[in-house]
Amino acid sequence: MAMSTVEPSSPGVSARMSRQVSRDTKPEVAVRKLLHAAGYRFRVNTRVPDMPRRTIDIAFTRAKVAVMIDGCFWHGCPVHATQPKANAQWWREKLDRNMARDRETTEHLAAAGWTVLRFWEHEAPEGAAELVAAAVDGKRRTNEDGGP
């Protein structure tokens, strides 16, 4: 993928972007608290196997369940994503690269036998935690029964 020569709008924009929280966001913490309270144990911000600089927000390594909580702006939510007006080309390319990286990561993990669950930051943590618990329980049952 070719890198753009378009620059951020200003040094101020670059500085704000570098301070953007990328881990332990409120939606991630909310889902983790619910899962932990229900007795689930997991790893946080675990590296994606064989993919440098990529992480899984919540990882159940034995069950091979990866949970990603995606921010609406940064990952292109079809409901809440916005398109900045200033320096529109640079932002479009940046956000398109984020979405392509998300797809590549999901495909890589799935090919390695992982179940990948992606949630938007605006989704109810309770619903996400229920779906995660069901996926983990299902994979554990399959593994106990001698499945893959």
N, C-alpha and C. Protein backbone atom coordinates (compact mmCIF):
# COMPACT_ATOMS: atom_id res chain seq x y z
N MET A 1 0.86 -1.17 0.00
CA MET A 1 0.00 0.00 0.00
C MET A 1 0.90 1.23 0.00
N ALA A 2 0.71 2.13 -0.94
CA ALA A 2 1.53 3.33 -1.04
C ALA A 2 1.18 4.32 0.06
N MET A 3 2.20 4.94 0.61
CA MET A 3 1.98 5.93 1.66
C MET A 3 1.70 7.28 1.00
N SER A 4 0.86 8.03 1.62
CA SER A 4 0.48 9.34 1.11
C SER A 4 1.56 10.36 1.44
N THR A 5 1.68 11.36 0.58
CA THR A 5 2.60 12.46 0.86
C THR A 5 1.86 13.61 1.51
N VAL A 6 0.56 13.47 1.68
CA VAL A 6 -0.23 14.50 2.32
C VAL A 6 0.09 14.49 3.81
N GLU A 7 0.23 15.66 4.40
CA GLU A 7 0.61 15.78 5.80
C GLU A 7 -0.61 16.11 6.67
N PRO A 8 -0.50 15.85 7.98
CA PRO A 8 -1.56 16.28 8.89
C PRO A 8 -1.78 17.79 8.77
N SER A 9 -2.95 18.25 9.17
CA SER A 9 -3.32 19.66 9.03
C SER A 9 -2.32 20.60 9.70
N SER A 10 -1.81 20.21 10.85
CA SER A 10 -0.92 21.10 11.60
C SER A 10 -0.16 20.28 12.63
N PRO A 11 0.89 20.87 13.19
CA PRO A 11 1.58 20.18 14.29
C PRO A 11 0.64 19.92 15.47
N GLY A 12 -0.33 20.81 15.68
CA GLY A 12 -1.30 20.61 16.76
C GLY A 12 -2.12 19.36 16.56
N VAL A 13 -2.54 19.10 15.31
CA VAL A 13 -3.31 17.90 15.00
C VAL A 13 -2.45 16.66 15.27
N SER A 14 -1.19 16.71 14.83
CA SER A 14 -0.29 15.58 15.08
C SER A 14 -0.12 15.33 16.57
N ALA A 15 0.02 16.39 17.33
CA ALA A 15 0.20 16.25 18.78
C ALA A 15 -1.05 15.64 19.43
N ARG A 16 -2.24 16.09 19.02
CA ARG A 16 -3.48 15.53 19.58
C ARG A 16 -3.62 14.06 19.21
N MET A 17 -3.30 13.70 17.98
CA MET A 17 -3.40 12.31 17.55
C MET A 17 -2.46 11.42 18.36
N SER A 18 -1.26 11.91 18.66
CA SER A 18 -0.30 11.09 19.39
C SER A 18 -0.74 10.86 20.84
N ARG A 19 -1.61 11.74 21.36
CA ARG A 19 -2.10 11.59 22.73
C ARG A 19 -3.40 10.80 22.80
N GLN A 20 -3.94 10.43 21.65
CA GLN A 20 -5.21 9.70 21.62
C GLN A 20 -5.05 8.36 22.34
N VAL A 21 -5.99 8.05 23.23
CA VAL A 21 -5.94 6.81 23.99
C VAL A 21 -6.17 5.64 23.02
N SER A 22 -5.26 4.66 23.05
CA SER A 22 -5.42 3.52 22.15
C SER A 22 -5.66 2.22 22.91
N ARG A 23 -5.55 2.27 24.22
CA ARG A 23 -5.80 1.08 25.02
C ARG A 23 -6.47 1.49 26.31
N ASP A 24 -7.13 0.52 26.94
CA ASP A 24 -7.84 0.78 28.19
C ASP A 24 -8.88 1.89 28.06
N THR A 25 -9.57 1.91 26.92
CA THR A 25 -10.63 2.90 26.71
C THR A 25 -11.82 2.54 27.61
N LYS A 26 -12.71 3.49 27.82
CA LYS A 26 -13.88 3.24 28.67
C LYS A 26 -14.69 2.04 28.18
N PRO A 27 -14.97 1.92 26.87
CA PRO A 27 -15.74 0.74 26.43
C PRO A 27 -14.99 -0.58 26.69
N GLU A 28 -13.68 -0.60 26.47
CA GLU A 28 -12.90 -1.82 26.74
C GLU A 28 -12.97 -2.19 28.21
N VAL A 29 -12.73 -1.22 29.07
CA VAL A 29 -12.72 -1.47 30.51
C VAL A 29 -14.09 -1.95 30.97
N ALA A 30 -15.16 -1.37 30.44
CA ALA A 30 -16.51 -1.79 30.83
C ALA A 30 -16.76 -3.26 30.49
N VAL A 31 -16.36 -3.68 29.30
CA VAL A 31 -16.54 -5.08 28.91
C VAL A 31 -15.66 -5.98 29.77
N ARG A 32 -14.41 -5.58 30.00
CA ARG A 32 -13.51 -6.38 30.82
C ARG A 32 -14.05 -6.56 32.23
N LYS A 33 -14.58 -5.50 32.82
CA LYS A 33 -15.12 -5.59 34.19
C LYS A 33 -16.27 -6.60 34.25
N LEU A 34 -17.15 -6.56 33.26
CA LEU A 34 -18.28 -7.50 33.24
C LEU A 34 -17.79 -8.93 33.09
N LEU A 35 -16.83 -9.15 32.20
CA LEU A 35 -16.31 -10.51 32.00
C LEU A 35 -15.59 -11.00 33.26
N HIS A 36 -14.80 -10.15 33.87
CA HIS A 36 -14.07 -10.54 35.07
C HIS A 36 -15.04 -10.86 36.21
N ALA A 37 -16.07 -10.04 36.37
CA ALA A 37 -17.06 -10.27 37.42
C ALA A 37 -17.80 -11.59 37.21
N ALA A 38 -17.91 -12.02 35.96
CA ALA A 38 -18.58 -13.28 35.64
C ALA A 38 -17.63 -14.47 35.75
N GLY A 39 -16.38 -14.22 36.15
CA GLY A 39 -15.44 -15.31 36.38
C GLY A 39 -14.51 -15.62 35.22
N TYR A 40 -14.54 -14.83 34.16
CA TYR A 40 -13.67 -15.08 33.01
C TYR A 40 -12.31 -14.41 33.24
N ARG A 41 -11.27 -15.12 32.83
CA ARG A 41 -9.92 -14.59 32.94
C ARG A 41 -9.34 -14.52 31.53
N PHE A 42 -8.61 -13.47 31.27
CA PHE A 42 -8.17 -13.17 29.91
C PHE A 42 -6.91 -12.33 29.96
N ARG A 43 -6.34 -12.14 28.82
CA ARG A 43 -5.17 -11.27 28.68
C ARG A 43 -5.63 -9.97 28.03
N VAL A 44 -4.94 -8.90 28.36
CA VAL A 44 -5.29 -7.58 27.85
C VAL A 44 -4.17 -7.06 26.95
N ASN A 45 -4.55 -6.50 25.81
CA ASN A 45 -3.59 -5.91 24.88
C ASN A 45 -2.47 -6.88 24.51
N THR A 46 -2.88 -8.06 24.13
CA THR A 46 -1.94 -9.12 23.74
C THR A 46 -1.55 -8.94 22.28
N ARG A 47 -0.30 -9.17 22.00
CA ARG A 47 0.16 -9.05 20.60
C ARG A 47 -0.51 -10.11 19.71
N VAL A 48 -0.83 -9.70 18.50
CA VAL A 48 -1.37 -10.62 17.51
C VAL A 48 -0.20 -11.49 17.05
N PRO A 49 -0.35 -12.82 17.10
CA PRO A 49 0.75 -13.69 16.68
C PRO A 49 1.20 -13.39 15.25
N ASP A 50 2.49 -13.23 15.08
CA ASP A 50 3.11 -13.01 13.77
C ASP A 50 2.70 -11.71 13.08
N MET A 51 2.20 -10.75 13.86
CA MET A 51 1.86 -9.44 13.28
C MET A 51 2.41 -8.35 14.21
N PRO A 52 3.60 -7.86 13.94
CA PRO A 52 4.20 -6.85 14.79
C PRO A 52 3.31 -5.60 14.90
N ARG A 53 3.31 -5.01 16.06
CA ARG A 53 2.64 -3.74 16.34
C ARG A 53 1.11 -3.83 16.27
N ARG A 54 0.56 -5.03 16.36
CA ARG A 54 -0.89 -5.17 16.41
C ARG A 54 -1.25 -5.93 17.68
N THR A 55 -2.35 -5.51 18.30
CA THR A 55 -2.74 -6.15 19.55
C THR A 55 -4.22 -6.52 19.54
N ILE A 56 -4.53 -7.46 20.42
CA ILE A 56 -5.90 -7.89 20.67
C ILE A 56 -6.31 -7.21 21.97
N ASP A 57 -7.46 -6.52 21.97
CA ASP A 57 -7.89 -5.80 23.17
C ASP A 57 -8.12 -6.75 24.35
N ILE A 58 -8.88 -7.82 24.10
CA ILE A 58 -9.16 -8.82 25.14
C ILE A 58 -8.94 -10.19 24.48
N ALA A 59 -8.01 -10.97 25.01
CA ALA A 59 -7.66 -12.25 24.39
C ALA A 59 -7.86 -13.41 25.36
N PHE A 60 -8.58 -14.40 24.90
CA PHE A 60 -8.72 -15.67 25.60
C PHE A 60 -7.82 -16.63 24.82
N THR A 61 -6.56 -16.74 25.24
CA THR A 61 -5.56 -17.43 24.43
C THR A 61 -5.81 -18.93 24.30
N ARG A 62 -6.24 -19.59 25.37
CA ARG A 62 -6.50 -21.04 25.26
C ARG A 62 -7.69 -21.33 24.36
N ALA A 63 -8.74 -20.54 24.49
CA ALA A 63 -9.94 -20.74 23.67
C ALA A 63 -9.76 -20.13 22.28
N LYS A 64 -8.73 -19.32 22.10
CA LYS A 64 -8.48 -18.60 20.85
C LYS A 64 -9.68 -17.73 20.45
N VAL A 65 -10.07 -16.88 21.38
CA VAL A 65 -11.11 -15.89 21.11
C VAL A 65 -10.47 -14.51 21.27
N ALA A 66 -10.56 -13.70 20.22
CA ALA A 66 -10.00 -12.34 20.22
C ALA A 66 -11.15 -11.35 20.19
N VAL A 67 -11.10 -10.39 21.10
CA VAL A 67 -12.14 -9.37 21.18
C VAL A 67 -11.52 -8.01 20.89
N MET A 68 -12.12 -7.29 19.95
CA MET A 68 -11.68 -5.95 19.60
C MET A 68 -12.84 -4.99 19.84
N ILE A 69 -12.56 -3.91 20.54
CA ILE A 69 -13.55 -2.86 20.75
C ILE A 69 -13.07 -1.67 19.91
N ASP A 70 -13.75 -1.41 18.82
CA ASP A 70 -13.31 -0.39 17.87
C ASP A 70 -13.99 0.95 18.10
N GLY A 71 -13.20 2.01 18.04
CA GLY A 71 -13.73 3.37 18.14
C GLY A 71 -14.44 3.74 16.84
N CYS A 72 -15.56 4.40 16.96
CA CYS A 72 -16.38 4.73 15.79
C CYS A 72 -15.63 5.61 14.78
N PHE A 73 -14.94 6.63 15.24
CA PHE A 73 -14.22 7.51 14.33
C PHE A 73 -13.05 6.79 13.67
N TRP A 74 -12.20 6.19 14.48
CA TRP A 74 -10.93 5.63 13.99
C TRP A 74 -11.10 4.40 13.13
N HIS A 75 -12.20 3.67 13.30
CA HIS A 75 -12.36 2.40 12.58
C HIS A 75 -13.52 2.41 11.59
N GLY A 76 -14.15 3.57 11.38
CA GLY A 76 -15.14 3.71 10.32
C GLY A 76 -16.51 3.12 10.60
N CYS A 77 -17.04 3.35 11.78
CA CYS A 77 -18.38 2.86 12.11
C CYS A 77 -19.38 3.34 11.06
N PRO A 78 -20.19 2.43 10.53
CA PRO A 78 -21.16 2.85 9.50
C PRO A 78 -22.26 3.76 10.05
N VAL A 79 -22.43 3.80 11.36
CA VAL A 79 -23.46 4.64 11.97
C VAL A 79 -22.90 5.99 12.42
N HIS A 80 -21.72 5.99 13.05
CA HIS A 80 -21.23 7.19 13.71
C HIS A 80 -19.97 7.82 13.12
N ALA A 81 -19.37 7.20 12.11
CA ALA A 81 -18.12 7.75 11.57
C ALA A 81 -18.37 9.13 10.97
N THR A 82 -17.39 10.00 11.15
CA THR A 82 -17.46 11.34 10.56
C THR A 82 -16.27 11.53 9.64
N GLN A 83 -16.40 12.45 8.72
CA GLN A 83 -15.32 12.75 7.78
C GLN A 83 -14.83 14.17 8.04
N PRO A 84 -13.62 14.33 8.56
CA PRO A 84 -13.11 15.68 8.80
C PRO A 84 -13.07 16.49 7.51
N LYS A 85 -13.37 17.76 7.63
CA LYS A 85 -13.37 18.66 6.46
C LYS A 85 -11.96 19.18 6.17
N ALA A 86 -11.23 19.52 7.23
CA ALA A 86 -9.86 20.01 7.04
C ALA A 86 -8.96 18.84 6.67
N ASN A 87 -8.18 19.03 5.62
CA ASN A 87 -7.22 18.01 5.17
C ASN A 87 -7.93 16.69 4.90
N ALA A 88 -9.03 16.75 4.20
CA ALA A 88 -9.92 15.60 3.98
C ALA A 88 -9.20 14.41 3.33
N GLN A 89 -8.33 14.67 2.36
CA GLN A 89 -7.63 13.56 1.69
C GLN A 89 -6.75 12.79 2.66
N TRP A 90 -5.99 13.51 3.47
CA TRP A 90 -5.10 12.85 4.44
C TRP A 90 -5.91 11.99 5.40
N TRP A 91 -7.00 12.56 5.93
CA TRP A 91 -7.84 11.81 6.86
C TRP A 91 -8.48 10.60 6.19
N ARG A 92 -8.97 10.74 4.97
CA ARG A 92 -9.60 9.62 4.27
C ARG A 92 -8.60 8.48 4.12
N GLU A 93 -7.38 8.80 3.72
CA GLU A 93 -6.35 7.77 3.55
C GLU A 93 -6.00 7.13 4.89
N LYS A 94 -5.89 7.94 5.93
CA LYS A 94 -5.56 7.43 7.28
C LYS A 94 -6.64 6.46 7.75
N LEU A 95 -7.90 6.87 7.66
CA LEU A 95 -9.00 6.03 8.14
C LEU A 95 -9.17 4.78 7.26
N ASP A 96 -8.96 4.92 5.96
CA ASP A 96 -9.03 3.75 5.07
C ASP A 96 -7.94 2.73 5.43
N ARG A 97 -6.74 3.22 5.77
CA ARG A 97 -5.66 2.31 6.19
C ARG A 97 -6.03 1.60 7.49
N ASN A 98 -6.65 2.33 8.41
CA ASN A 98 -7.09 1.70 9.67
C ASN A 98 -8.05 0.56 9.38
N MET A 99 -9.05 0.81 8.52
CA MET A 99 -10.05 -0.22 8.23
C MET A 99 -9.43 -1.41 7.50
N ALA A 100 -8.49 -1.14 6.58
CA ALA A 100 -7.81 -2.23 5.88
C ALA A 100 -6.99 -3.06 6.87
N ARG A 101 -6.33 -2.40 7.82
CA ARG A 101 -5.54 -3.10 8.84
C ARG A 101 -6.45 -3.96 9.72
N ASP A 102 -7.63 -3.44 10.06
CA ASP A 102 -8.60 -4.23 10.84
C ASP A 102 -8.99 -5.51 10.09
N ARG A 103 -9.31 -5.37 8.81
CA ARG A 103 -9.69 -6.55 8.00
C ARG A 103 -8.54 -7.55 7.92
N GLU A 104 -7.33 -7.05 7.69
CA GLU A 104 -6.16 -7.92 7.59
C GLU A 104 -5.92 -8.67 8.91
N THR A 105 -6.05 -7.97 10.02
CA THR A 105 -5.84 -8.59 11.33
C THR A 105 -6.90 -9.66 11.59
N THR A 106 -8.14 -9.35 11.30
CA THR A 106 -9.23 -10.32 11.50
C THR A 106 -8.99 -11.56 10.64
N GLU A 107 -8.64 -11.37 9.37
CA GLU A 107 -8.39 -12.50 8.47
C GLU A 107 -7.21 -13.34 8.95
N HIS A 108 -6.16 -12.68 9.42
CA HIS A 108 -4.97 -13.39 9.91
C HIS A 108 -5.31 -14.25 11.13
N LEU A 109 -6.03 -13.67 12.07
CA LEU A 109 -6.41 -14.42 13.27
C LEU A 109 -7.35 -15.57 12.93
N ALA A 110 -8.32 -15.33 12.07
CA ALA A 110 -9.26 -16.38 11.68
C ALA A 110 -8.53 -17.53 11.00
N ALA A 111 -7.57 -17.21 10.15
CA ALA A 111 -6.79 -18.25 9.47
C ALA A 111 -5.97 -19.08 10.46
N ALA A 112 -5.64 -18.49 11.61
CA ALA A 112 -4.88 -19.19 12.65
C ALA A 112 -5.80 -19.91 13.64
N GLY A 113 -7.10 -19.94 13.34
CA GLY A 113 -8.03 -20.68 14.19
C GLY A 113 -8.69 -19.89 15.30
N TRP A 114 -8.54 -18.58 15.29
CA TRP A 114 -9.14 -17.73 16.31
C TRP A 114 -10.56 -17.35 15.90
N THR A 115 -11.41 -17.17 16.89
CA THR A 115 -12.71 -16.55 16.69
C THR A 115 -12.50 -15.08 17.01
N VAL A 116 -12.84 -14.21 16.06
CA VAL A 116 -12.63 -12.78 16.24
C VAL A 116 -13.98 -12.09 16.39
N LEU A 117 -14.13 -11.39 17.50
CA LEU A 117 -15.36 -10.64 17.77
C LEU A 117 -15.01 -9.17 17.79
N ARG A 118 -15.69 -8.38 16.96
CA ARG A 118 -15.46 -6.94 16.92
C ARG A 118 -16.72 -6.22 17.35
N PHE A 119 -16.55 -5.25 18.22
CA PHE A 119 -17.67 -4.45 18.71
C PHE A 119 -17.33 -2.98 18.52
N TRP A 120 -18.36 -2.17 18.30
CA TRP A 120 -18.18 -0.73 18.23
C TRP A 120 -18.24 -0.15 19.63
N GLU A 121 -17.56 0.95 19.83
CA GLU A 121 -17.51 1.58 21.14
C GLU A 121 -18.89 1.96 21.66
N HIS A 122 -19.86 2.19 20.76
CA HIS A 122 -21.19 2.62 21.20
C HIS A 122 -22.10 1.44 21.59
N GLU A 123 -21.65 0.22 21.34
CA GLU A 123 -22.48 -0.94 21.68
C GLU A 123 -22.50 -1.15 23.19
N ALA A 124 -23.62 -1.66 23.67
CA ALA A 124 -23.78 -1.89 25.11
C ALA A 124 -22.76 -2.91 25.60
N PRO A 125 -22.01 -2.57 26.64
CA PRO A 125 -21.00 -3.51 27.18
C PRO A 125 -21.63 -4.83 27.61
N GLU A 126 -22.84 -4.79 28.15
CA GLU A 126 -23.51 -6.03 28.61
C GLU A 126 -23.74 -6.99 27.44
N GLY A 127 -24.19 -6.45 26.32
CA GLY A 127 -24.42 -7.30 25.15
C GLY A 127 -23.13 -7.87 24.61
N ALA A 128 -22.09 -7.05 24.56
CA ALA A 128 -20.79 -7.52 24.09
C ALA A 128 -20.25 -8.61 25.01
N ALA A 129 -20.34 -8.39 26.32
CA ALA A 129 -19.83 -9.38 27.28
C ALA A 129 -20.58 -10.70 27.15
N GLU A 130 -21.89 -10.64 26.92
CA GLU A 130 -22.67 -11.87 26.75
C GLU A 130 -22.23 -12.64 25.52
N LEU A 131 -22.01 -11.94 24.42
CA LEU A 131 -21.56 -12.60 23.19
C LEU A 131 -20.16 -13.18 23.34
N VAL A 132 -19.29 -12.46 24.03
CA VAL A 132 -17.93 -12.95 24.28
C VAL A 132 -17.99 -14.21 25.13
N ALA A 133 -18.75 -14.17 26.21
CA ALA A 133 -18.87 -15.32 27.10
C ALA A 133 -19.39 -16.55 26.34
N ALA A 134 -20.38 -16.34 25.50
CA ALA A 134 -20.93 -17.46 24.72
C ALA A 134 -19.88 -18.03 23.77
N ALA A 135 -19.10 -17.17 23.14
CA ALA A 135 -18.06 -17.65 22.22
C ALA A 135 -16.98 -18.41 22.97
N VAL A 136 -16.54 -17.89 24.10
CA VAL A 136 -15.50 -18.55 24.89
C VAL A 136 -16.01 -19.90 25.39
N ASP A 137 -17.22 -19.92 25.93
CA ASP A 137 -17.80 -21.19 26.42
C ASP A 137 -17.92 -22.20 25.29
N GLY A 138 -18.36 -21.75 24.13
CA GLY A 138 -18.50 -22.64 22.98
C GLY A 138 -17.17 -23.23 22.54
N LYS A 139 -16.13 -22.39 22.49
CA LYS A 139 -14.82 -22.89 22.10
C LYS A 139 -14.26 -23.85 23.14
N ARG A 140 -14.50 -23.56 24.42
CA ARG A 140 -14.01 -24.44 25.48
C ARG A 140 -14.69 -25.81 25.39
N ARG A 141 -15.99 -25.81 25.14
CA ARG A 141 -16.71 -27.08 25.00
C ARG A 141 -16.18 -27.89 23.82
N THR A 142 -15.95 -27.21 22.72
CA THR A 142 -15.42 -27.88 21.54
C THR A 142 -14.05 -28.48 21.82
N ASN A 143 -13.20 -27.73 22.50
CA ASN A 143 -11.86 -28.21 22.83
C ASN A 143 -11.90 -29.39 23.80
N GLU A 144 -12.84 -29.37 24.76
CA GLU A 144 -12.98 -30.47 25.71
C GLU A 144 -13.47 -31.74 25.03
N ASP A 145 -14.28 -31.57 23.99
CA ASP A 145 -14.84 -32.71 23.28
C ASP A 145 -13.86 -33.27 22.24
N GLY A 146 -12.64 -32.76 22.24
CA GLY A 146 -11.64 -33.27 21.32
C GLY A 146 -11.69 -32.61 19.97
N GLY A 147 -12.36 -31.45 19.89
CA GLY A 147 -12.44 -30.71 18.64
C GLY A 147 -11.12 -30.06 18.32
N PRO A 148 -11.09 -29.24 17.30
CA PRO A 148 -9.85 -28.61 16.85
C PRO A 148 -9.21 -27.73 17.89
